[in-house]
Amino acid sequence: MRRYGWVIRLRPDHRDTYLRLHAAVWPGVEQTLREANIRNYSIFLHRDLLFGYYEYVGEDHDADQRRIAEDPQTREWWKLTDPCQESLAEPGSGHWWAPMHEVWHLTEEAS
């Protein structure tokens, strides 16, 4: 399992729309994420920043990300959510959400 963290800016004028959409994420979008080996996906909000976290349990993250991007229902979902967001990713990186680097993780207690 590998952990991923991502950040993006929430446009203040779209806050209510974004929160309303995420109060009832489409089941097909959730199923696509599960089929792409995504687990424990959470999105947190702090002021105008969204922080996304998930655990990846598959073998080929890039291929699973392409699977998500090719899903028609997910693409429709993004047509609704993308206008709510302002990317913080490096231009030309190919990312919409900016990847974050893990600097610390609490592991299980040593036996």
PDB file of N, CA and C in Angstrom:
ATOM      1  N   MET A   1       0.842  -1.174   0.000  1.00  0.00           N
ATOM      2  CA  MET A   1       0.000   0.000   0.000  1.00  0.00           C
ATOM      3  C   MET A   1       0.890   1.241   0.000  1.00  0.00           C
ATOM      4  N   ARG A   2       0.485   2.221  -0.797  1.00  0.00           N
ATOM      5  CA  ARG A   2       1.213   3.487  -0.858  1.00  0.00           C
ATOM      6  C   ARG A   2       0.222   4.626  -0.611  1.00  0.00           C
ATOM      7  N   ARG A   3       0.656   5.640   0.146  1.00  0.00           N
ATOM      8  CA  ARG A   3      -0.197   6.790   0.478  1.00  0.00           C
ATOM      9  C   ARG A   3       0.084   7.940  -0.484  1.00  0.00           C
ATOM     10  N   TYR A   4      -0.980   8.661  -0.856  1.00  0.00           N
ATOM     11  CA  TYR A   4      -0.864   9.826  -1.736  1.00  0.00           C
ATOM     12  C   TYR A   4      -1.593  11.006  -1.114  1.00  0.00           C
ATOM     13  N   GLY A   5      -0.972  12.173  -1.178  1.00  0.00           N
ATOM     14  CA  GLY A   5      -1.594  13.415  -0.737  1.00  0.00           C
ATOM     15  C   GLY A   5      -1.556  14.428  -1.867  1.00  0.00           C
ATOM     16  N   TRP A   6      -2.623  15.182  -2.012  1.00  0.00           N
ATOM     17  CA  TRP A   6      -2.771  16.154  -3.097  1.00  0.00           C
ATOM     18  C   TRP A   6      -3.415  17.415  -2.549  1.00  0.00           C
ATOM     19  N   VAL A   7      -3.148  18.555  -3.174  1.00  0.00           N
ATOM     20  CA  VAL A   7      -3.740  19.817  -2.732  1.00  0.00           C
ATOM     21  C   VAL A   7      -4.189  20.623  -3.947  1.00  0.00           C
ATOM     22  N   ILE A   8      -5.254  21.376  -3.760  1.00  0.00           N
ATOM     23  CA  ILE A   8      -5.798  22.260  -4.796  1.00  0.00           C
ATOM     24  C   ILE A   8      -6.556  23.385  -4.095  1.00  0.00           C
ATOM     25  N   ARG A   9      -6.710  24.500  -4.772  1.00  0.00           N
ATOM     26  CA  ARG A   9      -7.459  25.626  -4.202  1.00  0.00           C
ATOM     27  C   ARG A   9      -8.932  25.508  -4.591  1.00  0.00           C
ATOM     28  N   LEU A  10      -9.806  25.749  -3.612  1.00  0.00           N
ATOM     29  CA  LEU A  10     -11.245  25.807  -3.843  1.00  0.00           C
ATOM     30  C   LEU A  10     -11.629  27.256  -4.114  1.00  0.00           C
ATOM     31  N   ARG A  11     -12.249  27.489  -5.241  1.00  0.00           N
ATOM     32  CA  ARG A  11     -12.674  28.850  -5.581  1.00  0.00           C
ATOM     33  C   ARG A  11     -13.805  29.252  -4.619  1.00  0.00           C
ATOM     34  N   PRO A  12     -13.631  30.360  -3.897  1.00  0.00           N
ATOM     35  CA  PRO A  12     -14.627  30.750  -2.888  1.00  0.00           C
ATOM     36  C   PRO A  12     -16.045  30.878  -3.446  1.00  0.00           C
ATOM     37  N   ASP A  13     -16.168  31.352  -4.673  1.00  0.00           N
ATOM     38  CA  ASP A  13     -17.491  31.529  -5.257  1.00  0.00           C
ATOM     39  C   ASP A  13     -18.135  30.203  -5.680  1.00  0.00           C
ATOM     40  N   HIS A  14     -17.403  29.096  -5.598  1.00  0.00           N
ATOM     41  CA  HIS A  14     -17.927  27.770  -5.936  1.00  0.00           C
ATOM     42  C   HIS A  14     -17.960  26.830  -4.729  1.00  0.00           C
ATOM     43  N   ARG A  15     -17.665  27.365  -3.573  1.00  0.00           N
ATOM     44  CA  ARG A  15     -17.575  26.539  -2.360  1.00  0.00           C
ATOM     45  C   ARG A  15     -18.854  25.741  -2.115  1.00  0.00           C
ATOM     46  N   ASP A  16     -19.998  26.417  -2.133  1.00  0.00           N
ATOM     47  CA  ASP A  16     -21.257  25.731  -1.841  1.00  0.00           C
ATOM     48  C   ASP A  16     -21.533  24.618  -2.851  1.00  0.00           C
ATOM     49  N   THR A  17     -21.265  24.881  -4.113  1.00  0.00           N
ATOM     50  CA  THR A  17     -21.473  23.868  -5.153  1.00  0.00           C
ATOM     51  C   THR A  17     -20.590  22.654  -4.894  1.00  0.00           C
ATOM     52  N   TYR A  18     -19.320  22.896  -4.623  1.00  0.00           N
ATOM     53  CA  TYR A  18     -18.374  21.802  -4.395  1.00  0.00           C
ATOM     54  C   TYR A  18     -18.799  20.965  -3.190  1.00  0.00           C
ATOM     55  N   LEU A  19     -19.159  21.619  -2.107  1.00  0.00           N
ATOM     56  CA  LEU A  19     -19.565  20.888  -0.909  1.00  0.00           C
ATOM     57  C   LEU A  19     -20.865  20.120  -1.135  1.00  0.00           C
ATOM     58  N   ARG A  20     -21.785  20.714  -1.877  1.00  0.00           N
ATOM     59  CA  ARG A  20     -23.045  20.019  -2.192  1.00  0.00           C
ATOM     60  C   ARG A  20     -22.769  18.768  -3.026  1.00  0.00           C
ATOM     61  N   LEU A  21     -21.916  18.896  -4.041  1.00  0.00           N
ATOM     62  CA  LEU A  21     -21.584  17.740  -4.871  1.00  0.00           C
ATOM     63  C   LEU A  21     -20.945  16.625  -4.047  1.00  0.00           C
ATOM     64  N   HIS A  22     -20.050  16.983  -3.144  1.00  0.00           N
ATOM     65  CA  HIS A  22     -19.346  15.968  -2.377  1.00  0.00           C
ATOM     66  C   HIS A  22     -20.161  15.422  -1.206  1.00  0.00           C
ATOM     67  N   ALA A  23     -21.292  16.022  -0.932  1.00  0.00           N
ATOM     68  CA  ALA A  23     -22.199  15.448   0.068  1.00  0.00           C
ATOM     69  C   ALA A  23     -22.909  14.219  -0.506  1.00  0.00           C
ATOM     70  N   ALA A  24     -22.865  14.074  -1.830  1.00  0.00           N
ATOM     71  CA  ALA A  24     -23.530  12.948  -2.494  1.00  0.00           C
ATOM     72  C   ALA A  24     -22.747  12.571  -3.758  1.00  0.00           C
ATOM     73  N   VAL A  25     -21.524  12.079  -3.568  1.00  0.00           N
ATOM     74  CA  VAL A  25     -20.703  11.669  -4.712  1.00  0.00           C
ATOM     75  C   VAL A  25     -21.412  10.544  -5.455  1.00  0.00           C
ATOM     76  N   TRP A  26     -21.385  10.616  -6.763  1.00  0.00           N
ATOM     77  CA  TRP A  26     -22.069   9.616  -7.583  1.00  0.00           C
ATOM     78  C   TRP A  26     -21.501   8.216  -7.313  1.00  0.00           C
ATOM     79  N   PRO A  27     -22.368   7.237  -7.115  1.00  0.00           N
ATOM     80  CA  PRO A  27     -21.902   5.868  -6.844  1.00  0.00           C
ATOM     81  C   PRO A  27     -20.980   5.320  -7.946  1.00  0.00           C
ATOM     82  N   GLY A  28     -21.245   5.654  -9.195  1.00  0.00           N
ATOM     83  CA  GLY A  28     -20.384   5.172 -10.287  1.00  0.00           C
ATOM     84  C   GLY A  28     -18.976   5.717 -10.207  1.00  0.00           C
ATOM     85  N   VAL A  29     -18.845   6.966  -9.758  1.00  0.00           N
ATOM     86  CA  VAL A  29     -17.520   7.569  -9.581  1.00  0.00           C
ATOM     87  C   VAL A  29     -16.790   6.850  -8.449  1.00  0.00           C
ATOM     88  N   GLU A  30     -17.489   6.595  -7.366  1.00  0.00           N
ATOM     89  CA  GLU A  30     -16.878   5.873  -6.240  1.00  0.00           C
ATOM     90  C   GLU A  30     -16.461   4.467  -6.654  1.00  0.00           C
ATOM     91  N   GLN A  31     -17.291   3.796  -7.445  1.00  0.00           N
ATOM     92  CA  GLN A  31     -16.974   2.436  -7.881  1.00  0.00           C
ATOM     93  C   GLN A  31     -15.736   2.423  -8.776  1.00  0.00           C
ATOM     94  N   THR A  32     -15.622   3.405  -9.655  1.00  0.00           N
ATOM     95  CA  THR A  32     -14.433   3.492 -10.513  1.00  0.00           C
ATOM     96  C   THR A  32     -13.177   3.650  -9.675  1.00  0.00           C
ATOM     97  N   LEU A  33     -13.245   4.470  -8.637  1.00  0.00           N
ATOM     98  CA  LEU A  33     -12.094   4.631  -7.750  1.00  0.00           C
ATOM     99  C   LEU A  33     -11.729   3.309  -7.082  1.00  0.00           C
ATOM    100  N   ARG A  34     -12.730   2.600  -6.600  1.00  0.00           N
ATOM    101  CA  ARG A  34     -12.461   1.303  -5.959  1.00  0.00           C
ATOM    102  C   ARG A  34     -11.819   0.328  -6.948  1.00  0.00           C
ATOM    103  N   GLU A  35     -12.362   0.272  -8.172  1.00  0.00           N
ATOM    104  CA  GLU A  35     -11.834  -0.640  -9.191  1.00  0.00           C
ATOM    105  C   GLU A  35     -10.408  -0.256  -9.596  1.00  0.00           C
ATOM    106  N   ALA A  36     -10.035   1.002  -9.387  1.00  0.00           N
ATOM    107  CA  ALA A  36      -8.681   1.470  -9.698  1.00  0.00           C
ATOM    108  C   ALA A  36      -7.767   1.372  -8.472  1.00  0.00           C
ATOM    109  N   ASN A  37      -8.155   0.549  -7.511  1.00  0.00           N
ATOM    110  CA  ASN A  37      -7.311   0.236  -6.351  1.00  0.00           C
ATOM    111  C   ASN A  37      -7.093   1.405  -5.397  1.00  0.00           C
ATOM    112  N   ILE A  38      -8.037   2.327  -5.339  1.00  0.00           N
ATOM    113  CA  ILE A  38      -7.994   3.456  -4.411  1.00  0.00           C
ATOM    114  C   ILE A  38      -8.784   3.068  -3.160  1.00  0.00           C
ATOM    115  N   ARG A  39      -8.189   3.301  -2.004  1.00  0.00           N
ATOM    116  CA  ARG A  39      -8.840   2.992  -0.729  1.00  0.00           C
ATOM    117  C   ARG A  39      -8.687   4.190   0.204  1.00  0.00           C
ATOM    118  N   ASN A  40      -9.593   4.292   1.165  1.00  0.00           N
ATOM    119  CA  ASN A  40      -9.525   5.323   2.219  1.00  0.00           C
ATOM    120  C   ASN A  40      -9.324   6.722   1.652  1.00  0.00           C
ATOM    121  N   TYR A  41     -10.082   7.052   0.614  1.00  0.00           N
ATOM    122  CA  TYR A  41      -9.983   8.367  -0.019  1.00  0.00           C
ATOM    123  C   TYR A  41     -10.753   9.374   0.828  1.00  0.00           C
ATOM    124  N   SER A  42     -10.070  10.446   1.192  1.00  0.00           N
ATOM    125  CA  SER A  42     -10.687  11.527   1.956  1.00  0.00           C
ATOM    126  C   SER A  42     -10.284  12.854   1.337  1.00  0.00           C
ATOM    127  N   ILE A  43     -11.176  13.823   1.425  1.00  0.00           N
ATOM    128  CA  ILE A  43     -10.854  15.195   1.044  1.00  0.00           C
ATOM    129  C   ILE A  43     -11.163  16.069   2.246  1.00  0.00           C
ATOM    130  N   PHE A  44     -10.184  16.877   2.651  1.00  0.00           N
ATOM    131  CA  PHE A  44     -10.314  17.784   3.785  1.00  0.00           C
ATOM    132  C   PHE A  44     -10.286  19.218   3.268  1.00  0.00           C
ATOM    133  N   LEU A  45     -10.951  20.111   3.977  1.00  0.00           N
ATOM    134  CA  LEU A  45     -11.005  21.522   3.605  1.00  0.00           C
ATOM    135  C   LEU A  45     -10.428  22.376   4.728  1.00  0.00           C
ATOM    136  N   HIS A  46      -9.519  23.290   4.359  1.00  0.00           N
ATOM    137  CA  HIS A  46      -8.990  24.305   5.277  1.00  0.00           C
ATOM    138  C   HIS A  46      -9.027  25.627   4.534  1.00  0.00           C
ATOM    139  N   ARG A  47      -9.899  26.517   4.981  1.00  0.00           N
ATOM    140  CA  ARG A  47     -10.117  27.800   4.308  1.00  0.00           C
ATOM    141  C   ARG A  47     -10.414  27.561   2.836  1.00  0.00           C
ATOM    142  N   ASP A  48      -9.480  27.931   1.945  1.00  0.00           N
ATOM    143  CA  ASP A  48      -9.741  27.714   0.521  1.00  0.00           C
ATOM    144  C   ASP A  48      -8.853  26.621  -0.073  1.00  0.00           C
ATOM    145  N   LEU A  49      -8.294  25.767   0.786  1.00  0.00           N
ATOM    146  CA  LEU A  49      -7.458  24.670   0.297  1.00  0.00           C
ATOM    147  C   LEU A  49      -8.146  23.334   0.537  1.00  0.00           C
ATOM    148  N   LEU A  50      -8.135  22.516  -0.493  1.00  0.00           N
ATOM    149  CA  LEU A  50      -8.618  21.148  -0.389  1.00  0.00           C
ATOM    150  C   LEU A  50      -7.403  20.226  -0.344  1.00  0.00           C
ATOM    151  N   PHE A  51      -7.386  19.338   0.618  1.00  0.00           N
ATOM    152  CA  PHE A  51      -6.332  18.343   0.738  1.00  0.00           C
ATOM    153  C   PHE A  51      -6.959  16.980   0.523  1.00  0.00           C
ATOM    154  N   GLY A  52      -6.471  16.244  -0.465  1.00  0.00           N
ATOM    155  CA  GLY A  52      -6.960  14.902  -0.738  1.00  0.00           C
ATOM    156  C   GLY A  52      -5.941  13.865  -0.298  1.00  0.00           C
ATOM    157  N   TYR A  53      -6.413  12.778   0.274  1.00  0.00           N
ATOM    158  CA  TYR A  53      -5.558  11.686   0.720  1.00  0.00           C
ATOM    159  C   TYR A  53      -6.196  10.378   0.306  1.00  0.00           C
ATOM    160  N   TYR A  54      -5.388   9.462  -0.230  1.00  0.00           N
ATOM    161  CA  TYR A  54      -5.871   8.107  -0.467  1.00  0.00           C
ATOM    162  C   TYR A  54      -4.733   7.119  -0.364  1.00  0.00           C
ATOM    163  N   GLU A  55      -5.119   5.868  -0.224  1.00  0.00           N
ATOM    164  CA  GLU A  55      -4.165   4.770  -0.189  1.00  0.00           C
ATOM    165  C   GLU A  55      -4.352   3.959  -1.457  1.00  0.00           C
ATOM    166  N   TYR A  56      -3.236   3.623  -2.096  1.00  0.00           N
ATOM    167  CA  TYR A  56      -3.267   2.876  -3.346  1.00  0.00           C
ATOM    168  C   TYR A  56      -2.772   1.465  -3.084  1.00  0.00           C
ATOM    169  N   VAL A  57      -3.584   0.460  -3.457  1.00  0.00           N
ATOM    170  CA  VAL A  57      -3.249  -0.931  -3.170  1.00  0.00           C
ATOM    171  C   VAL A  57      -2.944  -1.734  -4.428  1.00  0.00           C
ATOM    172  N   GLY A  58      -2.865  -1.073  -5.576  1.00  0.00           N
ATOM    173  CA  GLY A  58      -2.613  -1.777  -6.830  1.00  0.00           C
ATOM    174  C   GLY A  58      -1.133  -1.890  -7.149  1.00  0.00           C
ATOM    175  N   GLU A  59      -0.862  -2.329  -8.384  1.00  0.00           N
ATOM    176  CA  GLU A  59       0.513  -2.551  -8.847  1.00  0.00           C
ATOM    177  C   GLU A  59       0.984  -1.494  -9.838  1.00  0.00           C
ATOM    178  N   ASP A  60       0.039  -0.776 -10.494  1.00  0.00           N
ATOM    179  CA  ASP A  60       0.413   0.177 -11.539  1.00  0.00           C
ATOM    180  C   ASP A  60      -0.431   1.449 -11.390  1.00  0.00           C
ATOM    181  N   HIS A  61       0.057   2.367 -10.571  1.00  0.00           N
ATOM    182  CA  HIS A  61      -0.681   3.590 -10.262  1.00  0.00           C
ATOM    183  C   HIS A  61      -0.996   4.391 -11.522  1.00  0.00           C
ATOM    184  N   ASP A  62      -0.036   4.537 -12.423  1.00  0.00           N
ATOM    185  CA  ASP A  62      -0.263   5.311 -13.651  1.00  0.00           C
ATOM    186  C   ASP A  62      -1.379   4.705 -14.490  1.00  0.00           C
ATOM    187  N   ALA A  63      -1.377   3.394 -14.651  1.00  0.00           N
ATOM    188  CA  ALA A  63      -2.427   2.732 -15.434  1.00  0.00           C
ATOM    189  C   ALA A  63      -3.785   2.898 -14.766  1.00  0.00           C
ATOM    190  N   ASP A  64      -3.835   2.784 -13.445  1.00  0.00           N
ATOM    191  CA  ASP A  64      -5.104   2.954 -12.740  1.00  0.00           C
ATOM    192  C   ASP A  64      -5.585   4.398 -12.812  1.00  0.00           C
ATOM    193  N   GLN A  65      -4.670   5.358 -12.803  1.00  0.00           N
ATOM    194  CA  GLN A  65      -5.063   6.759 -12.967  1.00  0.00           C
ATOM    195  C   GLN A  65      -5.643   6.992 -14.365  1.00  0.00           C
ATOM    196  N   ARG A  66      -5.074   6.346 -15.374  1.00  0.00           N
ATOM    197  CA  ARG A  66      -5.623   6.454 -16.734  1.00  0.00           C
ATOM    198  C   ARG A  66      -7.012   5.837 -16.793  1.00  0.00           C
ATOM    199  N   ARG A  67      -7.207   4.719 -16.093  1.00  0.00           N
ATOM    200  CA  ARG A  67      -8.522   4.064 -16.061  1.00  0.00           C
ATOM    201  C   ARG A  67      -9.571   5.021 -15.496  1.00  0.00           C
ATOM    202  N   ILE A  68      -9.211   5.719 -14.425  1.00  0.00           N
ATOM    203  CA  ILE A  68     -10.126   6.698 -13.833  1.00  0.00           C
ATOM    204  C   ILE A  68     -10.421   7.809 -14.839  1.00  0.00           C
ATOM    205  N   ALA A  69      -9.376   8.344 -15.473  1.00  0.00           N
ATOM    206  CA  ALA A  69      -9.528   9.463 -16.414  1.00  0.00           C
ATOM    207  C   ALA A  69     -10.326   9.086 -17.651  1.00  0.00           C
ATOM    208  N   GLU A  70     -10.369   7.819 -18.005  1.00  0.00           N
ATOM    209  CA  GLU A  70     -11.101   7.366 -19.188  1.00  0.00           C
ATOM    210  C   GLU A  70     -12.548   7.011 -18.887  1.00  0.00           C
ATOM    211  N   ASP A  71     -12.913   6.947 -17.632  1.00  0.00           N
ATOM    212  CA  ASP A  71     -14.281   6.572 -17.259  1.00  0.00           C
ATOM    213  C   ASP A  71     -15.249   7.696 -17.609  1.00  0.00           C
ATOM    214  N   PRO A  72     -16.272   7.420 -18.433  1.00  0.00           N
ATOM    215  CA  PRO A  72     -17.193   8.482 -18.861  1.00  0.00           C
ATOM    216  C   PRO A  72     -17.919   9.179 -17.707  1.00  0.00           C
ATOM    217  N   GLN A  73     -18.340   8.440 -16.696  1.00  0.00           N
ATOM    218  CA  GLN A  73     -19.064   9.074 -15.593  1.00  0.00           C
ATOM    219  C   GLN A  73     -18.126   9.962 -14.775  1.00  0.00           C
ATOM    220  N   THR A  74     -16.896   9.522 -14.578  1.00  0.00           N
ATOM    221  CA  THR A  74     -15.918  10.346 -13.867  1.00  0.00           C
ATOM    222  C   THR A  74     -15.636  11.620 -14.653  1.00  0.00           C
ATOM    223  N   ARG A  75     -15.552  11.529 -15.957  1.00  0.00           N
ATOM    224  CA  ARG A  75     -15.316  12.715 -16.790  1.00  0.00           C
ATOM    225  C   ARG A  75     -16.477  13.717 -16.654  1.00  0.00           C
ATOM    226  N   GLU A  76     -17.700  13.197 -16.580  1.00  0.00           N
ATOM    227  CA  GLU A  76     -18.862  14.077 -16.371  1.00  0.00           C
ATOM    228  C   GLU A  76     -18.794  14.732 -14.992  1.00  0.00           C
ATOM    229  N   TRP A  77     -18.385  13.958 -13.986  1.00  0.00           N
ATOM    230  CA  TRP A  77     -18.224  14.479 -12.626  1.00  0.00           C
ATOM    231  C   TRP A  77     -17.215  15.624 -12.617  1.00  0.00           C
ATOM    232  N   TRP A  78     -16.097  15.424 -13.308  1.00  0.00           N
ATOM    233  CA  TRP A  78     -15.054  16.449 -13.357  1.00  0.00           C
ATOM    234  C   TRP A  78     -15.532  17.717 -14.047  1.00  0.00           C
ATOM    235  N   LYS A  79     -16.478  17.588 -14.994  1.00  0.00           N
ATOM    236  CA  LYS A  79     -17.030  18.790 -15.641  1.00  0.00           C
ATOM    237  C   LYS A  79     -17.754  19.669 -14.615  1.00  0.00           C
ATOM    238  N   LEU A  80     -18.262  19.044 -13.569  1.00  0.00           N
ATOM    239  CA  LEU A  80     -18.948  19.789 -12.506  1.00  0.00           C
ATOM    240  C   LEU A  80     -17.978  20.293 -11.441  1.00  0.00           C
ATOM    241  N   THR A  81     -16.980  19.480 -11.104  1.00  0.00           N
ATOM    242  CA  THR A  81     -16.088  19.842 -10.000  1.00  0.00           C
ATOM    243  C   THR A  81     -14.900  20.706 -10.420  1.00  0.00           C
ATOM    244  N   ASP A  82     -14.376  20.495 -11.622  1.00  0.00           N
ATOM    245  CA  ASP A  82     -13.190  21.253 -12.045  1.00  0.00           C
ATOM    246  C   ASP A  82     -13.390  22.770 -12.005  1.00  0.00           C
ATOM    247  N   PRO A  83     -14.540  23.297 -12.422  1.00  0.00           N
ATOM    248  CA  PRO A  83     -14.704  24.758 -12.348  1.00  0.00           C
ATOM    249  C   PRO A  83     -14.696  25.302 -10.916  1.00  0.00           C
ATOM    250  N   CYS A  84     -14.865  24.425  -9.947  1.00  0.00           N
ATOM    251  CA  CYS A  84     -14.844  24.825  -8.538  1.00  0.00           C
ATOM    252  C   CYS A  84     -13.422  24.971  -8.013  1.00  0.00           C
ATOM    253  N   GLN A  85     -12.452  24.521  -8.783  1.00  0.00           N
ATOM    254  CA  GLN A  85     -11.085  24.404  -8.297  1.00  0.00           C
ATOM    255  C   GLN A  85     -10.124  25.269  -9.111  1.00  0.00           C
ATOM    256  N   GLU A  86      -9.020  25.633  -8.463  1.00  0.00           N
ATOM    257  CA  GLU A  86      -7.910  26.321  -9.119  1.00  0.00           C
ATOM    258  C   GLU A  86      -6.649  25.506  -8.851  1.00  0.00           C
ATOM    259  N   SER A  87      -6.058  24.987  -9.903  1.00  0.00           N
ATOM    260  CA  SER A  87      -4.907  24.112  -9.755  1.00  0.00           C
ATOM    261  C   SER A  87      -3.717  24.845  -9.155  1.00  0.00           C
ATOM    262  N   LEU A  88      -2.990  24.141  -8.300  1.00  0.00           N
ATOM    263  CA  LEU A  88      -1.735  24.625  -7.729  1.00  0.00           C
ATOM    264  C   LEU A  88      -0.547  23.830  -8.274  1.00  0.00           C
ATOM    265  N   ALA A  89      -0.820  22.920  -9.201  1.00  0.00           N
ATOM    266  CA  ALA A  89       0.231  22.065  -9.758  1.00  0.00           C
ATOM    267  C   ALA A  89       1.159  22.874 -10.655  1.00  0.00           C
ATOM    268  N   GLU A  90       2.378  22.395 -10.772  1.00  0.00           N
ATOM    269  CA  GLU A  90       3.343  23.025 -11.668  1.00  0.00           C
ATOM    270  C   GLU A  90       2.810  22.979 -13.100  1.00  0.00           C
ATOM    271  N   PRO A  91       2.841  24.100 -13.819  1.00  0.00           N
ATOM    272  CA  PRO A  91       2.410  24.081 -15.224  1.00  0.00           C
ATOM    273  C   PRO A  91       3.217  23.039 -16.009  1.00  0.00           C
ATOM    274  N   GLY A  92       2.512  22.306 -16.846  1.00  0.00           N
ATOM    275  CA  GLY A  92       3.157  21.276 -17.656  1.00  0.00           C
ATOM    276  C   GLY A  92       3.387  19.962 -16.946  1.00  0.00           C
ATOM    277  N   SER A  93       2.988  19.867 -15.673  1.00  0.00           N
ATOM    278  CA  SER A  93       3.225  18.636 -14.911  1.00  0.00           C
ATOM    279  C   SER A  93       2.243  17.528 -15.278  1.00  0.00           C
ATOM    280  N   GLY A  94       1.129  17.898 -15.895  1.00  0.00           N
ATOM    281  CA  GLY A  94       0.099  16.919 -16.190  1.00  0.00           C
ATOM    282  C   GLY A  94      -0.846  16.666 -15.031  1.00  0.00           C
ATOM    283  N   HIS A  95      -0.634  17.351 -13.918  1.00  0.00           N
ATOM    284  CA  HIS A  95      -1.494  17.175 -12.744  1.00  0.00           C
ATOM    285  C   HIS A  95      -2.496  18.319 -12.657  1.00  0.00           C
ATOM    286  N   TRP A  96      -3.680  18.025 -12.147  1.00  0.00           N
ATOM    287  CA  TRP A  96      -4.666  19.051 -11.813  1.00  0.00           C
ATOM    288  C   TRP A  96      -4.516  19.377 -10.329  1.00  0.00           C
ATOM    289  N   TRP A  97      -4.593  18.356  -9.482  1.00  0.00           N
ATOM    290  CA  TRP A  97      -4.277  18.509  -8.061  1.00  0.00           C
ATOM    291  C   TRP A  97      -2.758  18.420  -7.938  1.00  0.00           C
ATOM    292  N   ALA A  98      -2.160  19.263  -7.118  1.00  0.00           N
ATOM    293  CA  ALA A  98      -0.708  19.249  -6.935  1.00  0.00           C
ATOM    294  C   ALA A  98      -0.326  18.128  -5.974  1.00  0.00           C
ATOM    295  N   PRO A  99       0.603  17.263  -6.379  1.00  0.00           N
ATOM    296  CA  PRO A  99       1.035  16.199  -5.473  1.00  0.00           C
ATOM    297  C   PRO A  99       1.806  16.771  -4.290  1.00  0.00           C
ATOM    298  N   MET A 100       1.603  16.151  -3.131  1.00  0.00           N
ATOM    299  CA  MET A 100       2.316  16.532  -1.920  1.00  0.00           C
ATOM    300  C   MET A 100       3.295  15.414  -1.586  1.00  0.00           C
ATOM    301  N   HIS A 101       4.368  15.764  -0.919  1.00  0.00           N
ATOM    302  CA  HIS A 101       5.368  14.785  -0.537  1.00  0.00           C
ATOM    303  C   HIS A 101       5.225  14.482   0.949  1.00  0.00           C
ATOM    304  N   GLU A 102       5.139  13.207   1.259  1.00  0.00           N
ATOM    305  CA  GLU A 102       5.024  12.786   2.653  1.00  0.00           C
ATOM    306  C   GLU A 102       6.344  13.045   3.374  1.00  0.00           C
ATOM    307  N   VAL A 103       6.274  13.737   4.496  1.00  0.00           N
ATOM    308  CA  VAL A 103       7.484  14.030   5.264  1.00  0.00           C
ATOM    309  C   VAL A 103       7.539  13.257   6.584  1.00  0.00           C
ATOM    310  N   TRP A 104       6.411  12.675   6.993  1.00  0.00           N
ATOM    311  CA  TRP A 104       6.394  11.913   8.225  1.00  0.00           C
ATOM    312  C   TRP A 104       5.159  11.043   8.254  1.00  0.00           C
ATOM    313  N   HIS A 105       5.285   9.886   8.878  1.00  0.00           N
ATOM    314  CA  HIS A 105       4.161   8.954   9.028  1.00  0.00           C
ATOM    315  C   HIS A 105       4.347   8.185  10.328  1.00  0.00           C
ATOM    316  N   LEU A 106       3.311   8.162  11.158  1.00  0.00           N
ATOM    317  CA  LEU A 106       3.337   7.383  12.392  1.00  0.00           C
ATOM    318  C   LEU A 106       3.043   5.933  12.042  1.00  0.00           C
ATOM    319  N   THR A 107       3.989   5.069  12.355  1.00  0.00           N
ATOM    320  CA  THR A 107       3.793   3.638  12.086  1.00  0.00           C
ATOM    321  C   THR A 107       3.254   2.948  13.324  1.00  0.00           C
ATOM    322  N   GLU A 108       2.934   1.672  13.173  1.00  0.00           N
ATOM    323  CA  GLU A 108       2.469   0.878  14.300  1.00  0.00           C
ATOM    324  C   GLU A 108       3.569   0.837  15.357  1.00  0.00           C
ATOM    325  N   GLU A 109       3.176   0.657  16.598  1.00  0.00           N
ATOM    326  CA  GLU A 109       4.165   0.555  17.682  1.00  0.00           C
ATOM    327  C   GLU A 109       5.051  -0.647  17.477  1.00  0.00           C
ATOM    328  N   ALA A 110       6.323  -0.500  17.828  1.00  0.00           N
ATOM    329  CA  ALA A 110       7.254  -1.616  17.758  1.00  0.00           C
ATOM    330  C   ALA A 110       6.877  -2.641  18.819  1.00  0.00           C
ATOM    331  N   SER A 111       7.023  -3.920  18.492  1.00  0.00           N
ATOM    332  CA  SER A 111       6.690  -4.950  19.484  1.00  0.00           C
ATOM    333  C   SER A 111       7.841  -5.270  20.374  1.00  0.00           C
TER     334      SER A 111
END
